[in-house]
All heavy atoms as atom14 arrays in JSON, in Angstrom:
{
  "sequence": "PLALKGTKFRPLPAEKLLIHNLLIYGVGGML",
  "atom14_mask": [
    [1, 1, 1, 1, 1, 1, 1, 0, 0, 0, 0, 0, 0, 0],
    [1, 1, 1, 1, 1, 1, 1, 1, 0, 0, 0, 0, 0, 0],
    [1, 1, 1, 1, 1, 0, 0, 0, 0, 0, 0, 0, 0, 0],
    [1, 1, 1, 1, 1, 1, 1, 1, 0, 0, 0, 0, 0, 0],
    [1, 1, 1, 1, 1, 1, 1, 1, 1, 0, 0, 0, 0, 0],
    [1, 1, 1, 1, 0, 0, 0, 0, 0, 0, 0, 0, 0, 0],
    [1, 1, 1, 1, 1, 1, 1, 0, 0, 0, 0, 0, 0, 0],
    [1, 1, 1, 1, 1, 1, 1, 1, 1, 0, 0, 0, 0, 0],
    [1, 1, 1, 1, 1, 1, 1, 1, 1, 1, 1, 0, 0, 0],
    [1, 1, 1, 1, 1, 1, 1, 1, 1, 1, 1, 0, 0, 0],
    [1, 1, 1, 1, 1, 1, 1, 0, 0, 0, 0, 0, 0, 0],
    [1, 1, 1, 1, 1, 1, 1, 1, 0, 0, 0, 0, 0, 0],
    [1, 1, 1, 1, 1, 1, 1, 0, 0, 0, 0, 0, 0, 0],
    [1, 1, 1, 1, 1, 0, 0, 0, 0, 0, 0, 0, 0, 0],
    [1, 1, 1, 1, 1, 1, 1, 1, 1, 0, 0, 0, 0, 0],
    [1, 1, 1, 1, 1, 1, 1, 1, 1, 0, 0, 0, 0, 0],
    [1, 1, 1, 1, 1, 1, 1, 1, 0, 0, 0, 0, 0, 0],
    [1, 1, 1, 1, 1, 1, 1, 1, 0, 0, 0, 0, 0, 0],
    [1, 1, 1, 1, 1, 1, 1, 1, 0, 0, 0, 0, 0, 0],
    [1, 1, 1, 1, 1, 1, 1, 1, 1, 1, 0, 0, 0, 0],
    [1, 1, 1, 1, 1, 1, 1, 1, 0, 0, 0, 0, 0, 0],
    [1, 1, 1, 1, 1, 1, 1, 1, 0, 0, 0, 0, 0, 0],
    [1, 1, 1, 1, 1, 1, 1, 1, 0, 0, 0, 0, 0, 0],
    [1, 1, 1, 1, 1, 1, 1, 1, 0, 0, 0, 0, 0, 0],
    [1, 1, 1, 1, 1, 1, 1, 1, 1, 1, 1, 1, 0, 0],
    [1, 1, 1, 1, 0, 0, 0, 0, 0, 0, 0, 0, 0, 0],
    [1, 1, 1, 1, 1, 1, 1, 0, 0, 0, 0, 0, 0, 0],
    [1, 1, 1, 1, 0, 0, 0, 0, 0, 0, 0, 0, 0, 0],
    [1, 1, 1, 1, 0, 0, 0, 0, 0, 0, 0, 0, 0, 0],
    [1, 1, 1, 1, 1, 1, 1, 1, 0, 0, 0, 0, 0, 0],
    [1, 1, 1, 1, 1, 1, 1, 1, 0, 0, 0, 0, 0, 0]
  ],
  "atom14_positions": [
    [[-12.38, -8.89, 2.23], [-12.92, -7.51, 2.27], [-12.03, -6.5, 1.57], [-12.53, -5.6, 0.9], [-13.02, -7.22, 3.78], [-13.18, -8.57, 4.41], [-12.32, -9.49, 3.58], [0.0, 0.0, 0.0], [0.0, 0.0, 0.0], [0.0, 0.0, 0.0], [0.0, 0.0, 0.0], [0.0, 0.0, 0.0], [0.0, 0.0, 0.0], [0.0, 0.0, 0.0]],
    [[-10.7, -6.65, 1.73], [-9.8, -5.72, 1.04], [-9.88, -5.89, -0.47], [-9.88, -4.92, -1.22], [-8.37, -5.96, 1.52], [-7.28, -5.12, 0.82], [-7.53, -3.64, 1.08], [-5.89, -5.53, 1.32], [0.0, 0.0, 0.0], [0.0, 0.0, 0.0], [0.0, 0.0, 0.0], [0.0, 0.0, 0.0], [0.0, 0.0, 0.0], [0.0, 0.0, 0.0]],
    [[-9.98, -7.15, -0.94], [-10.07, -7.39, -2.38], [-11.34, -6.8, -2.96], [-11.32, -6.26, -4.07], [-10.01, -8.87, -2.65], [0.0, 0.0, 0.0], [0.0, 0.0, 0.0], [0.0, 0.0, 0.0], [0.0, 0.0, 0.0], [0.0, 0.0, 0.0], [0.0, 0.0, 0.0], [0.0, 0.0, 0.0], [0.0, 0.0, 0.0], [0.0, 0.0, 0.0]],
    [[-12.44, -6.89, -2.23], [-13.71, -6.39, -2.72], [-13.85, -4.86, -2.58], [-14.4, -4.2, -3.45], [-14.88, -7.04, -1.97], [-15.0, -8.56, -2.16], [-16.24, -9.07, -1.45], [-15.03, -8.94, -3.61], [0.0, 0.0, 0.0], [0.0, 0.0, 0.0], [0.0, 0.0, 0.0], [0.0, 0.0, 0.0], [0.0, 0.0, 0.0], [0.0, 0.0, 0.0]],
    [[-13.28, -4.35, -1.51], [-13.37, -2.88, -1.3], [-12.31, -2.15, -2.07], [-12.51, -1.03, -2.53], [-13.26, -2.56, 0.18], [-13.49, -1.1, 0.55], [-13.42, -0.88, 2.04], [-13.68, 0.58, 2.38], [-13.59, 0.84, 3.84], [0.0, 0.0, 0.0], [0.0, 0.0, 0.0], [0.0, 0.0, 0.0], [0.0, 0.0, 0.0], [0.0, 0.0, 0.0]],
    [[-11.14, -2.73, -2.2], [-10.03, -2.09, -2.92], [-9.16, -1.23, -2.01], [-9.63, -0.73, -0.97], [0.0, 0.0, 0.0], [0.0, 0.0, 0.0], [0.0, 0.0, 0.0], [0.0, 0.0, 0.0], [0.0, 0.0, 0.0], [0.0, 0.0, 0.0], [0.0, 0.0, 0.0], [0.0, 0.0, 0.0], [0.0, 0.0, 0.0], [0.0, 0.0, 0.0]],
    [[-7.93, -1.06, -2.39], [-7.02, -0.2, -1.66], [-7.4, 1.25, -1.89], [-7.69, 1.67, -3.0], [-5.56, -0.44, -2.15], [-5.27, -1.8, -1.99], [-4.58, 0.4, -1.37], [0.0, 0.0, 0.0], [0.0, 0.0, 0.0], [0.0, 0.0, 0.0], [0.0, 0.0, 0.0], [0.0, 0.0, 0.0], [0.0, 0.0, 0.0], [0.0, 0.0, 0.0]],
    [[-7.39, 2.02, -0.85], [-7.71, 3.44, -0.95], [-6.66, 4.15, -1.77], [-5.46, 4.05, -1.52], [-7.82, 4.09, 0.42], [-8.24, 5.56, 0.35], [-8.34, 6.15, 1.75], [-8.78, 7.65, 1.68], [-8.88, 8.24, 3.02], [0.0, 0.0, 0.0], [0.0, 0.0, 0.0], [0.0, 0.0, 0.0], [0.0, 0.0, 0.0], [0.0, 0.0, 0.0]],
    [[-7.12, 4.91, -2.79], [-6.17, 5.62, -3.63], [-5.63, 6.85, -2.94], [-6.38, 7.61, -2.34], [-6.82, 6.05, -4.96], [-5.97, 6.93, -5.8], [-4.85, 6.43, -6.42], [-6.25, 8.28, -5.92], [-4.04, 7.27, -7.19], [-5.46, 9.12, -6.66], [-4.34, 8.61, -7.31], [0.0, 0.0, 0.0], [0.0, 0.0, 0.0], [0.0, 0.0, 0.0]],
    [[-4.3, 7.02, -3.02], [-3.66, 8.17, -2.44], [-2.94, 8.94, -3.56], [-2.05, 8.37, -4.21], [-2.65, 7.77, -1.38], [-3.26, 7.02, -0.19], [-2.17, 6.47, 0.74], [-2.75, 5.7, 1.82], [-3.11, 6.23, 2.99], [-2.97, 7.53, 3.19], [-3.63, 5.49, 3.94], [0.0, 0.0, 0.0], [0.0, 0.0, 0.0], [0.0, 0.0, 0.0]],
    [[-3.29, 10.22, -3.81], [-2.62, 10.99, -4.88], [-1.2, 11.4, -4.47], [-0.93, 12.55, -4.17], [-3.56, 12.19, -5.03], [-4.2, 12.37, -3.71], [-4.36, 10.99, -3.15], [0.0, 0.0, 0.0], [0.0, 0.0, 0.0], [0.0, 0.0, 0.0], [0.0, 0.0, 0.0], [0.0, 0.0, 0.0], [0.0, 0.0, 0.0], [0.0, 0.0, 0.0]],
    [[-0.29, 10.41, -4.43], [1.09, 10.64, -4.03], [2.02, 10.41, -5.22], [1.67, 9.67, -6.13], [1.49, 9.72, -2.87], [0.71, 9.85, -1.56], [1.14, 8.76, -0.61], [0.95, 11.2, -0.93], [0.0, 0.0, 0.0], [0.0, 0.0, 0.0], [0.0, 0.0, 0.0], [0.0, 0.0, 0.0], [0.0, 0.0, 0.0], [0.0, 0.0, 0.0]],
    [[3.21, 11.01, -5.21], [4.21, 10.68, -6.24], [4.52, 9.2, -6.21], [4.41, 8.52, -5.17], [5.43, 11.52, -5.81], [4.89, 12.64, -4.99], [3.68, 12.07, -4.29], [0.0, 0.0, 0.0], [0.0, 0.0, 0.0], [0.0, 0.0, 0.0], [0.0, 0.0, 0.0], [0.0, 0.0, 0.0], [0.0, 0.0, 0.0], [0.0, 0.0, 0.0]],
    [[4.93, 8.65, -7.35], [5.13, 7.22, -7.5], [6.11, 6.65, -6.48], [5.87, 5.6, -5.88], [5.61, 6.9, -8.91], [0.0, 0.0, 0.0], [0.0, 0.0, 0.0], [0.0, 0.0, 0.0], [0.0, 0.0, 0.0], [0.0, 0.0, 0.0], [0.0, 0.0, 0.0], [0.0, 0.0, 0.0], [0.0, 0.0, 0.0], [0.0, 0.0, 0.0]],
    [[7.23, 7.4, -6.24], [8.22, 6.84, -5.31], [7.69, 6.78, -3.89], [7.93, 5.82, -3.13], [9.52, 7.67, -5.37], [9.42, 9.12, -4.99], [8.95, 10.01, -6.12], [8.57, 9.48, -7.18], [8.99, 11.24, -5.96], [0.0, 0.0, 0.0], [0.0, 0.0, 0.0], [0.0, 0.0, 0.0], [0.0, 0.0, 0.0], [0.0, 0.0, 0.0]],
    [[6.94, 7.82, -3.48], [6.38, 7.84, -2.11], [5.29, 6.74, -1.97], [5.21, 6.1, -0.93], [5.8, 9.2, -1.79], [6.84, 10.29, -1.6], [6.2, 11.59, -1.16], [7.26, 12.68, -0.92], [6.63, 13.95, -0.49], [0.0, 0.0, 0.0], [0.0, 0.0, 0.0], [0.0, 0.0, 0.0], [0.0, 0.0, 0.0], [0.0, 0.0, 0.0]],
    [[4.53, 6.57, -3.03], [3.5, 5.54, -3.02], [4.14, 4.15, -2.9], [3.62, 3.29, -2.16], [2.64, 5.62, -4.28], [1.3, 4.88, -4.28], [0.42, 5.39, -3.16], [0.62, 5.07, -5.64], [0.0, 0.0, 0.0], [0.0, 0.0, 0.0], [0.0, 0.0, 0.0], [0.0, 0.0, 0.0], [0.0, 0.0, 0.0], [0.0, 0.0, 0.0]],
    [[5.25, 3.93, -3.6], [5.92, 2.64, -3.53], [6.46, 2.37, -2.14], [6.29, 1.28, -1.6], [7.07, 2.63, -4.54], [7.95, 1.36, -4.55], [7.11, 0.16, -4.93], [9.13, 1.53, -5.53], [0.0, 0.0, 0.0], [0.0, 0.0, 0.0], [0.0, 0.0, 0.0], [0.0, 0.0, 0.0], [0.0, 0.0, 0.0], [0.0, 0.0, 0.0]],
    [[7.07, 3.38, -1.53], [7.62, 3.25, -0.18], [6.47, 2.95, 0.82], [6.58, 2.07, 1.67], [8.39, 4.51, 0.24], [9.65, 4.66, -0.63], [8.78, 4.44, 1.72], [10.38, 5.93, -0.42], [0.0, 0.0, 0.0], [0.0, 0.0, 0.0], [0.0, 0.0, 0.0], [0.0, 0.0, 0.0], [0.0, 0.0, 0.0], [0.0, 0.0, 0.0]],
    [[5.38, 3.68, 0.68], [4.23, 3.51, 1.56], [3.69, 2.08, 1.49], [3.41, 1.44, 2.52], [3.14, 4.53, 1.19], [1.87, 4.37, 1.94], [0.84, 3.55, 1.51], [1.43, 4.89, 3.13], [-0.16, 3.59, 2.36], [0.19, 4.4, 3.36], [0.0, 0.0, 0.0], [0.0, 0.0, 0.0], [0.0, 0.0, 0.0], [0.0, 0.0, 0.0]],
    [[3.52, 1.59, 0.26], [2.97, 0.24, 0.1], [3.92, -0.86, 0.55], [3.51, -1.88, 1.06], [2.56, 0.04, -1.35], [1.37, 0.92, -1.74], [0.6, 1.32, -0.88], [1.24, 1.21, -3.02], [0.0, 0.0, 0.0], [0.0, 0.0, 0.0], [0.0, 0.0, 0.0], [0.0, 0.0, 0.0], [0.0, 0.0, 0.0], [0.0, 0.0, 0.0]],
    [[5.24, -0.63, 0.33], [6.21, -1.63, 0.78], [6.26, -1.72, 2.29], [6.38, -2.8, 2.87], [7.6, -1.26, 0.24], [7.84, -1.56, -1.26], [9.23, -1.08, -1.65], [7.69, -3.04, -1.53], [0.0, 0.0, 0.0], [0.0, 0.0, 0.0], [0.0, 0.0, 0.0], [0.0, 0.0, 0.0], [0.0, 0.0, 0.0], [0.0, 0.0, 0.0]],
    [[6.08, -0.58, 2.95], [6.11, -0.57, 4.4], [4.88, -1.29, 4.98], [4.95, -2.02, 5.97], [6.17, 0.87, 4.95], [7.51, 1.58, 4.77], [7.42, 3.02, 5.25], [8.62, 0.86, 5.55], [0.0, 0.0, 0.0], [0.0, 0.0, 0.0], [0.0, 0.0, 0.0], [0.0, 0.0, 0.0], [0.0, 0.0, 0.0], [0.0, 0.0, 0.0]],
    [[3.71, -1.06, 4.36], [2.48, -1.64, 4.88], [2.31, -3.08, 4.43], [2.12, -4.0, 5.27], [1.25, -0.78, 4.44], [1.31, 0.59, 5.14], [-0.06, -1.51, 4.82], [0.17, 1.49, 4.79], [0.0, 0.0, 0.0], [0.0, 0.0, 0.0], [0.0, 0.0, 0.0], [0.0, 0.0, 0.0], [0.0, 0.0, 0.0], [0.0, 0.0, 0.0]],
    [[2.36, -3.31, 3.11], [2.06, -4.66, 2.6], [3.29, -5.52, 2.46], [3.18, -6.74, 2.4], [1.35, -4.53, 1.24], [0.02, -3.86, 1.35], [-0.12, -2.49, 1.09], [-1.1, -4.55, 1.74], [-1.35, -1.87, 1.22], [-2.32, -3.93, 1.89], [-2.46, -2.59, 1.62], [-3.65, -1.98, 1.74], [0.0, 0.0, 0.0], [0.0, 0.0, 0.0]],
    [[4.48, -4.9, 2.39], [5.69, -5.67, 2.34], [6.15, -6.07, 3.73], [6.13, -7.26, 4.1], [0.0, 0.0, 0.0], [0.0, 0.0, 0.0], [0.0, 0.0, 0.0], [0.0, 0.0, 0.0], [0.0, 0.0, 0.0], [0.0, 0.0, 0.0], [0.0, 0.0, 0.0], [0.0, 0.0, 0.0], [0.0, 0.0, 0.0], [0.0, 0.0, 0.0]],
    [[6.51, -5.07, 4.54], [6.97, -5.35, 5.89], [5.83, -5.95, 6.71], [6.0, -6.93, 7.44], [7.48, -4.06, 6.56], [7.91, -4.33, 8.02], [8.67, -3.51, 5.78], [0.0, 0.0, 0.0], [0.0, 0.0, 0.0], [0.0, 0.0, 0.0], [0.0, 0.0, 0.0], [0.0, 0.0, 0.0], [0.0, 0.0, 0.0], [0.0, 0.0, 0.0]],
    [[4.62, -5.36, 6.57], [3.47, -5.9, 7.3], [3.16, -7.31, 6.89], [2.82, -8.17, 7.72], [0.0, 0.0, 0.0], [0.0, 0.0, 0.0], [0.0, 0.0, 0.0], [0.0, 0.0, 0.0], [0.0, 0.0, 0.0], [0.0, 0.0, 0.0], [0.0, 0.0, 0.0], [0.0, 0.0, 0.0], [0.0, 0.0, 0.0], [0.0, 0.0, 0.0]],
    [[3.25, -7.58, 5.59], [2.99, -8.94, 5.1], [4.01, -9.94, 5.55], [3.76, -11.15, 5.58], [0.0, 0.0, 0.0], [0.0, 0.0, 0.0], [0.0, 0.0, 0.0], [0.0, 0.0, 0.0], [0.0, 0.0, 0.0], [0.0, 0.0, 0.0], [0.0, 0.0, 0.0], [0.0, 0.0, 0.0], [0.0, 0.0, 0.0], [0.0, 0.0, 0.0]],
    [[5.23, -9.46, 5.89], [6.26, -10.35, 6.41], [6.1, -10.6, 7.92], [6.34, -11.72, 8.39], [7.64, -9.74, 6.13], [8.81, -10.68, 6.43], [10.38, -9.89, 6.09], [10.23, -9.53, 4.34], [0.0, 0.0, 0.0], [0.0, 0.0, 0.0], [0.0, 0.0, 0.0], [0.0, 0.0, 0.0], [0.0, 0.0, 0.0], [0.0, 0.0, 0.0]],
    [[5.66, -9.58, 8.65], [5.58, -9.72, 10.12], [4.29, -10.44, 10.53], [4.3, -11.23, 11.48], [5.62, -8.35, 10.78], [6.94, -7.57, 10.6], [6.83, -6.21, 11.27], [8.11, -8.37, 11.2], [0.0, 0.0, 0.0], [0.0, 0.0, 0.0], [0.0, 0.0, 0.0], [0.0, 0.0, 0.0], [0.0, 0.0, 0.0], [0.0, 0.0, 0.0]]
  ]
}
């Protein structure tokens, strides 16, 4: 469902977007 729907775009600066995604998909993907 995520692959078909796509990640919701957030108009954030690149560094904040990177941190946000690492916390969700990085840390979340590890736990």
